[in-house]
Amino acid sequence: MKRSATLSARLTAIIGVLALAVLLVVAWTAFRSDNVGAGGIVAGAEAPEIHGIDTSGASIDLQNYRGQPVIVNFWASWCQPCVTEMPLIDEVYRSASDQFRLISVNVGDTKGTVNEFLTKYGLSFPVLIDATGKTAELYRVSALPATFAIDAEGRIRHAGIGQITETEQLFALFRSDR
């Protein structure tokens, strides 16, 4: 009986260690920078085109921003990490928008929901609404928030998923292009 219990405990421990190893590999793959999910766009790739109308009614075309660094941030109002990072993005946008272009892309919400969200949180940047997820699909976004830094030549310098937690992270993204 004792021997059976010991063997069972060892087997349980081995299975637990293996499960933890698998979980760590999956987490590392999902959350590492420069790879946005399985098959994601990596640094060095040409940025897919972005076209649309933002919440202020202005036309957005990524091609028009050639020659300048661009930050593209995909988010949704129901995504808590997205909500948490929005004030940081707004702070950088307000203080340094002359140094980079921001394309904020809301995935899946309606224009009304996005405008209510912007008002509620006092956010000043315009947002492109990607209600169907087509733009997010072009960027192979598999989780939100997802942030891309695009250099002046239209190449992706950074592709990552996960919440931005400090303004310096954003500053570093567009300053790395210089």
Protein backbone atom coordinates (compact mmCIF):
# COMPACT_ATOMS: atom_id res chain seq x y z
CA MET A 1 0.00 0.00 0.00
CA LYS A 2 2.77 2.39 1.01
CA ARG A 3 4.72 1.69 -2.16
CA SER A 4 1.63 2.32 -4.30
CA ALA A 5 0.99 5.66 -2.59
CA THR A 6 4.62 6.73 -3.11
CA LEU A 7 4.50 5.78 -6.79
CA SER A 8 1.24 7.65 -7.21
CA ALA A 9 2.70 10.77 -5.54
CA ARG A 10 5.77 10.65 -7.81
CA LEU A 11 3.63 10.26 -10.90
CA THR A 12 1.46 13.20 -9.84
CA ALA A 13 4.57 15.32 -9.26
CA ILE A 14 6.00 14.43 -12.69
CA ILE A 15 2.72 15.26 -14.41
CA GLY A 16 2.58 18.56 -12.51
CA VAL A 17 6.11 19.51 -13.60
CA LEU A 18 5.36 18.61 -17.22
CA ALA A 19 2.13 20.63 -17.16
CA LEU A 20 4.00 23.62 -15.74
CA ALA A 21 6.68 23.33 -18.45
CA VAL A 22 4.05 23.26 -21.19
CA LEU A 23 2.29 26.26 -19.65
CA LEU A 24 5.56 28.24 -19.50
CA VAL A 25 6.36 27.48 -23.15
CA VAL A 26 2.88 28.55 -24.26
CA ALA A 27 3.03 31.75 -22.17
CA TRP A 28 6.50 32.60 -23.45
CA THR A 29 5.42 32.15 -27.06
CA ALA A 30 2.25 34.18 -26.61
CA PHE A 31 3.73 37.09 -24.69
CA ARG A 32 7.17 37.62 -26.14
CA SER A 33 7.80 40.82 -28.08
CA ASP A 34 8.23 40.92 -31.82
CA ASN A 35 5.76 38.08 -32.42
CA VAL A 36 2.06 38.70 -32.19
CA GLY A 37 0.64 35.24 -31.69
CA ALA A 38 1.19 32.18 -33.82
CA GLY A 39 2.10 33.18 -37.36
CA GLY A 40 2.23 36.82 -36.28
CA ILE A 41 3.98 39.65 -38.04
CA VAL A 42 7.58 40.01 -36.93
CA ALA A 43 9.98 42.93 -36.78
CA GLY A 44 11.41 43.78 -40.18
CA ALA A 45 8.28 42.92 -42.15
CA GLU A 46 6.58 45.58 -44.24
CA ALA A 47 3.57 46.99 -42.42
CA PRO A 48 0.21 46.02 -43.92
CA GLU A 49 -1.83 48.93 -45.20
CA ILE A 50 -4.35 50.67 -42.97
CA HIS A 51 -7.24 52.69 -44.45
CA GLY A 52 -10.32 54.12 -42.83
CA ILE A 53 -12.12 56.99 -41.17
CA ASP A 54 -11.42 57.80 -37.53
CA THR A 55 -13.88 58.90 -34.86
CA SER A 56 -13.24 62.57 -35.67
CA GLY A 57 -14.19 61.97 -39.33
CA ALA A 58 -10.64 62.25 -40.67
CA SER A 59 -9.32 59.81 -43.25
CA ILE A 60 -6.47 57.56 -42.14
CA ASP A 61 -4.06 56.06 -44.63
CA LEU A 62 -0.81 54.58 -43.32
CA GLN A 63 0.91 55.48 -46.63
CA ASN A 64 0.42 59.17 -45.82
CA TYR A 65 2.62 58.75 -42.74
CA ARG A 66 5.73 57.58 -44.63
CA GLY A 67 8.78 59.42 -43.41
CA GLN A 68 7.54 59.40 -39.79
CA PRO A 69 7.47 56.78 -37.06
CA VAL A 70 3.99 55.36 -36.43
CA ILE A 71 2.59 53.55 -33.40
CA VAL A 72 -0.38 51.29 -34.16
CA ASN A 73 -2.30 50.10 -31.11
CA PHE A 74 -5.15 47.56 -31.34
CA TRP A 75 -7.60 47.53 -28.43
CA ALA A 76 -11.23 47.02 -27.35
CA SER A 77 -13.38 48.64 -24.67
CA TRP A 78 -14.07 45.27 -22.98
CA CYS A 79 -10.34 44.47 -22.66
CA GLN A 80 -9.18 45.48 -19.16
CA PRO A 81 -5.45 45.67 -20.01
CA CYS A 82 -6.43 47.90 -22.96
CA VAL A 83 -8.46 50.16 -20.70
CA THR A 84 -5.55 50.37 -18.24
CA GLU A 85 -3.02 51.38 -20.91
CA MET A 86 -5.22 54.03 -22.60
CA PRO A 87 -4.27 56.91 -20.23
CA LEU A 88 -0.57 56.18 -20.85
CA ILE A 89 -1.08 56.22 -24.61
CA ASP A 90 -3.04 59.47 -24.31
CA GLU A 91 -0.32 61.05 -22.18
CA VAL A 92 2.36 60.25 -24.76
CA TYR A 93 0.08 61.34 -27.60
CA ARG A 94 -0.59 64.70 -25.92
CA SER A 95 3.05 65.35 -25.09
CA ALA A 96 4.83 64.07 -28.19
CA SER A 97 2.40 63.78 -31.11
CA ASP A 98 4.71 66.03 -33.13
CA GLN A 99 7.33 63.24 -33.01
CA PHE A 100 5.22 60.30 -34.21
CA ARG A 101 1.84 59.35 -35.61
CA LEU A 102 -0.63 57.26 -33.63
CA ILE A 103 -3.14 54.95 -35.25
CA SER A 104 -5.39 53.67 -32.51
CA VAL A 105 -7.52 50.81 -33.81
CA ASN A 106 -10.56 49.67 -31.87
CA VAL A 107 -11.47 46.09 -32.70
CA GLY A 108 -15.12 45.07 -32.64
CA ASP A 109 -16.86 47.98 -30.90
CA THR A 110 -19.34 50.35 -32.52
CA LYS A 111 -18.60 54.03 -33.15
CA GLY A 112 -21.04 54.98 -30.37
CA THR A 113 -19.36 52.68 -27.86
CA VAL A 114 -15.92 54.02 -28.82
CA ASN A 115 -17.01 57.65 -28.54
CA GLU A 116 -18.58 56.99 -25.11
CA PHE A 117 -15.35 55.29 -24.03
CA LEU A 118 -13.19 58.21 -25.23
CA THR A 119 -15.41 60.69 -23.39
CA LYS A 120 -15.58 58.62 -20.19
CA TYR A 121 -11.78 58.38 -19.95
CA GLY A 122 -11.03 61.86 -21.33
CA LEU A 123 -8.94 60.53 -24.20
CA SER A 124 -7.85 62.96 -26.90
CA PHE A 125 -6.61 60.74 -29.71
CA PRO A 126 -8.75 59.73 -32.68
CA VAL A 127 -9.62 56.07 -33.15
CA LEU A 128 -10.09 54.00 -36.28
CA ILE A 129 -12.99 51.61 -35.78
CA ASP A 130 -12.32 48.09 -37.04
CA ALA A 131 -15.79 46.68 -36.36
CA THR A 132 -15.26 43.61 -38.54
CA GLY A 133 -11.69 42.94 -37.41
CA LYS A 134 -10.31 43.19 -40.95
CA THR A 135 -7.39 45.47 -40.03
CA ALA A 136 -6.54 43.36 -36.98
CA GLU A 137 -6.56 40.31 -39.26
CA LEU A 138 -4.07 41.98 -41.65
CA TYR A 139 -1.76 42.49 -38.68
CA ARG A 140 -2.44 38.94 -37.45
CA VAL A 141 -3.49 40.20 -34.05
CA SER A 142 -4.34 37.20 -31.88
CA ALA A 143 -4.81 39.00 -28.54
CA LEU A 144 -5.42 42.50 -27.23
CA PRO A 145 -3.87 44.90 -26.65
CA ALA A 146 -1.36 44.65 -29.48
CA THR A 147 1.09 47.39 -30.32
CA PHE A 148 3.25 47.87 -33.41
CA ALA A 149 6.01 50.40 -34.05
CA ILE A 150 6.46 51.20 -37.74
CA ASP A 151 9.55 53.05 -38.94
CA ALA A 152 9.71 55.90 -41.44
CA GLU A 153 10.17 53.42 -44.30
CA GLY A 154 7.01 51.50 -43.43
CA ARG A 155 8.70 48.50 -41.79
CA ILE A 156 7.62 47.03 -38.48
CA ARG A 157 10.25 47.66 -35.80
CA HIS A 158 8.28 46.14 -32.92
CA ALA A 159 5.28 43.84 -32.74
CA GLY A 160 4.01 42.78 -29.37
CA ILE A 161 0.95 41.81 -27.42
CA GLY A 162 0.28 42.80 -23.86
CA GLN A 163 -0.36 45.89 -21.85
CA ILE A 164 1.93 48.90 -21.97
CA THR A 165 2.62 49.75 -18.34
CA GLU A 166 4.88 52.81 -18.60
CA THR A 167 4.99 55.85 -20.87
CA GLU A 168 8.69 55.20 -21.46
CA GLN A 169 7.78 51.99 -23.29
CA LEU A 170 5.90 54.05 -25.89
CA PHE A 171 8.58 56.73 -26.11
CA ALA A 172 11.18 54.02 -26.75
CA LEU A 173 9.07 52.57 -29.58
CA PHE A 174 9.02 55.69 -31.72
CA ARG A 175 12.45 56.98 -30.70
CA SER A 176 14.08 53.73 -31.84
CA ASP A 177 13.35 54.81 -35.42
CA ARG A 178 15.75 57.76 -35.23
